[in-house]
C-alpha atoms as a PDB file:
ATOM      1  CA  UNK A   1     120.875  93.456  86.819  1.00  0.00           C
ATOM      2  CA  UNK A   2     120.164  96.931  87.341  1.00  0.00           C
ATOM      3  CA  UNK A   3     120.170  99.405  84.329  1.00  0.00           C
ATOM      4  CA  UNK A   4     122.114 102.539  85.214  1.00  0.00           C
ATOM      5  CA  UNK A   5     122.156 104.898  82.178  1.00  0.00           C
ATOM      6  CA  UNK A   6     121.082 107.760  84.088  1.00  0.00           C
ATOM      7  CA  UNK A   7     124.043 108.016  86.763  1.00  0.00           C
ATOM      8  CA  UNK A   8     126.451 107.044  83.982  1.00  0.00           C
ATOM      9  CA  UNK A   9     125.554 109.841  81.813  1.00  0.00           C
ATOM     10  CA  UNK A  10     125.475 112.404  84.665  1.00  0.00           C
ATOM     11  CA  UNK A  11     128.808 111.237  85.880  1.00  0.00           C
ATOM     12  CA  UNK A  12     129.772 113.002  82.285  1.00  0.00           C
ATOM     13  CA  UNK A  13     127.675 115.999  82.782  1.00  0.00           C
ATOM     14  CA  UNK A  14     124.547 114.611  80.587  1.00  0.00           C
ATOM     15  CA  UNK A  15     121.479 115.420  82.574  1.00  0.00           C
ATOM     16  CA  UNK A  16     118.717 115.208  79.737  1.00  0.00           C
ATOM     17  CA  UNK A  17     117.294 112.135  78.130  1.00  0.00           C
ATOM     18  CA  UNK A  18     116.791 114.295  75.375  1.00  0.00           C
ATOM     19  CA  UNK A  19     120.614 115.353  75.116  1.00  0.00           C
ATOM     20  CA  UNK A  20     121.471 111.520  75.455  1.00  0.00           C
ATOM     21  CA  UNK A  21     119.463 110.594  72.741  1.00  0.00           C
ATOM     22  CA  UNK A  22     121.096 113.234  70.245  1.00  0.00           C
ATOM     23  CA  UNK A  23     124.210 112.212  70.807  1.00  0.00           C
ATOM     24  CA  UNK A  24     123.642 108.490  70.312  1.00  0.00           C
ATOM     25  CA  UNK A  25     121.622 109.576  66.791  1.00  0.00           C
ATOM     26  CA  UNK A  26     124.818 111.303  65.862  1.00  0.00           C
ATOM     27  CA  UNK A  27     126.528 108.158  66.248  1.00  0.00           C
ATOM     28  CA  UNK A  28     123.790 106.086  64.195  1.00  0.00           C
ATOM     29  CA  UNK A  29     121.640 104.795  66.896  1.00  0.00           C
ATOM     30  CA  UNK A  30     118.367 106.360  66.415  1.00  0.00           C
ATOM     31  CA  UNK A  31     116.245 105.708  69.584  1.00  0.00           C
ATOM     32  CA  UNK A  32     112.196 106.365  69.611  1.00  0.00           C
ATOM     33  CA  UNK A  33     111.081 108.830  72.507  1.00  0.00           C
ATOM     34  CA  UNK A  34     109.351 105.683  74.137  1.00  0.00           C
ATOM     35  CA  UNK A  35     112.170 103.318  74.247  1.00  0.00           C
ATOM     36  CA  UNK A  36     114.790 106.323  75.386  1.00  0.00           C
ATOM     37  CA  UNK A  37     112.303 106.964  78.217  1.00  0.00           C
ATOM     38  CA  UNK A  38     112.668 103.521  79.167  1.00  0.00           C
ATOM     39  CA  UNK A  39     116.602 103.509  78.851  1.00  0.00           C
ATOM     40  CA  UNK A  40     116.512 106.461  80.863  1.00  0.00           C
ATOM     41  CA  UNK A  41     114.319 105.701  83.703  1.00  0.00           C
ATOM     42  CA  UNK A  42     115.986 102.478  84.448  1.00  0.00           C
ATOM     43  CA  UNK A  43     113.401  99.828  83.126  1.00  0.00           C
ATOM     44  CA  UNK A  44     114.480  99.232  79.321  1.00  0.00           C
ATOM     45  CA  UNK A  45     112.449  96.246  77.910  1.00  0.00           C
ATOM     46  CA  UNK A  46     115.191  95.569  75.750  1.00  0.00           C
ATOM     47  CA  UNK A  47     118.928  96.459  75.211  1.00  0.00           C
ATOM     48  CA  UNK A  48     120.595  94.977  72.136  1.00  0.00           C
ATOM     49  CA  UNK A  49     124.564  94.304  72.339  1.00  0.00           C
ATOM     50  CA  UNK A  50     124.990  96.714  69.122  1.00  0.00           C
ATOM     51  CA  UNK A  51     122.854  99.541  70.956  1.00  0.00           C
ATOM     52  CA  UNK A  52     125.023  98.650  74.232  1.00  0.00           C
ATOM     53  CA  UNK A  53     128.307  99.026  72.060  1.00  0.00           C
ATOM     54  CA  UNK A  54     127.024 102.584  70.928  1.00  0.00           C
ATOM     55  CA  UNK A  55     125.964 104.012  74.373  1.00  0.00           C
ATOM     56  CA  UNK A  56     129.204 102.746  75.628  1.00  0.00           C
ATOM     57  CA  UNK A  57     131.336 104.463  73.306  1.00  0.00           C
ATOM     58  CA  UNK A  58     129.117 107.702  73.209  1.00  0.00           C
ATOM     59  CA  UNK A  59     129.466 107.816  77.267  1.00  0.00           C
ATOM     60  CA  UNK A  60     132.948 106.445  77.029  1.00  0.00           C
ATOM     61  CA  UNK A  61     132.374 104.024  79.563  1.00  0.00           C
ATOM     62  CA  UNK A  62     132.095 100.309  79.949  1.00  0.00           C
ATOM     63  CA  UNK A  63     129.237  97.986  80.316  1.00  0.00           C
ATOM     64  CA  UNK A  64     130.257  97.388  84.158  1.00  0.00           C
ATOM     65  CA  UNK A  65     128.934 100.983  84.695  1.00  0.00           C
ATOM     66  CA  UNK A  66     125.693 100.407  82.617  1.00  0.00           C
ATOM     67  CA  UNK A  67     125.041  96.984  84.211  1.00  0.00           C
ATOM     68  CA  UNK A  68     124.984  96.391  87.815  1.00  0.00           C
ATOM     69  CA  UNK A  69     124.676  92.970  89.314  1.00  0.00           C
ATOM     70  CA  UNK A  70     122.146  92.115  92.167  1.00  0.00           C
ATOM     71  CA  UNK A  71     122.619  89.122  93.250  1.00  0.00           C
ATOM     72  CA  UNK A  72     120.910  89.022  96.299  1.00  0.00           C
ATOM     73  CA  UNK A  73     117.347  89.042  93.982  1.00  0.00           C
ATOM     74  CA  UNK A  74     118.283  85.669  92.390  1.00  0.00           C
ATOM     75  CA  UNK A  75     116.292  82.907  93.997  1.00  0.00           C
ATOM     76  CA  UNK A  76     118.350  80.641  96.202  1.00  0.00           C
ATOM     77  CA  UNK A  77     118.442  76.817  94.958  1.00  0.00           C
ATOM     78  CA  UNK A  78     116.241  74.535  96.538  1.00  0.00           C
ATOM     79  CA  UNK A  79     117.842  71.253  98.156  1.00  0.00           C
ATOM     80  CA  UNK A  80     117.117  68.252  96.220  1.00  0.00           C
ATOM     81  CA  UNK A  81     115.745  65.352  98.037  1.00  0.00           C
ATOM     82  CA  UNK A  82     117.016  61.771  97.238  1.00  0.00           C
ATOM     83  CA  UNK A  83     113.735  60.417  95.966  1.00  0.00           C
ATOM     84  CA  UNK A  84     113.476  63.019  92.922  1.00  0.00           C
ATOM     85  CA  UNK A  85     117.500  62.996  91.970  1.00  0.00           C
ATOM     86  CA  UNK A  86     119.199  59.797  90.479  1.00  0.00           C
ATOM     87  CA  UNK A  87     123.234  59.423  91.258  1.00  0.00           C
ATOM     88  CA  UNK A  88     125.336  59.890  88.201  1.00  0.00           C
ATOM     89  CA  UNK A  89     125.646  57.012  86.371  1.00  0.00           C
ATOM     90  CA  UNK A  90     122.846  55.031  88.087  1.00  0.00           C
ATOM     91  CA  UNK A  91     120.842  53.155  85.606  1.00  0.00           C
ATOM     92  CA  UNK A  92     116.932  53.156  85.368  1.00  0.00           C
ATOM     93  CA  UNK A  93     114.413  51.683  83.157  1.00  0.00           C
ATOM     94  CA  UNK A  94     113.064  53.875  80.239  1.00  0.00           C
ATOM     95  CA  UNK A  95     109.455  52.931  79.096  1.00  0.00           C
ATOM     96  CA  UNK A  96     108.362  53.990  75.925  1.00  0.00           C
ATOM     97  CA  UNK A  97     104.957  55.840  75.393  1.00  0.00           C
ATOM     98  CA  UNK A  98     102.291  54.495  73.350  1.00  0.00           C
ATOM     99  CA  UNK A  99     101.815  56.562  70.055  1.00  0.00           C
ATOM    100  CA  UNK A 100      98.292  56.365  69.934  1.00  0.00           C
ATOM    101  CA  UNK A 101      96.351  59.170  68.363  1.00  0.00           C
ATOM    102  CA  UNK A 102      98.985  59.696  65.486  1.00  0.00           C
ATOM    103  CA  UNK A 103      98.157  59.565  62.079  1.00  0.00           C
ATOM    104  CA  UNK A 104     100.352  57.449  59.647  1.00  0.00           C
ATOM    105  CA  UNK A 105     102.618  59.861  57.202  1.00  0.00           C
ATOM    106  CA  UNK A 106     101.218  60.536  53.466  1.00  0.00           C
ATOM    107  CA  UNK A 107     101.900  57.917  50.810  1.00  0.00           C
END
């Protein structure tokens, strides 16, 4: 996923992170300068769902404008070999492990 706050804000005439930060604070979302820098630069560490609601409300947009999927960055699945996979419903033996090294419960 790509975070796109800066472009979404620019589409609404908000050109400075400090202006966006002030607008969010007016709606009850007080963000530190460090966190705002991460949100504005496109590299946020964490975005809580509640914060996302407030951001969408302030900008008048949906999450699809803030979060842009990047499916090409997801690793492709590796094909399974016959040796490592079992067929669905195929029975296989389970061998229990020895319980060495464990103490008895208190009395």
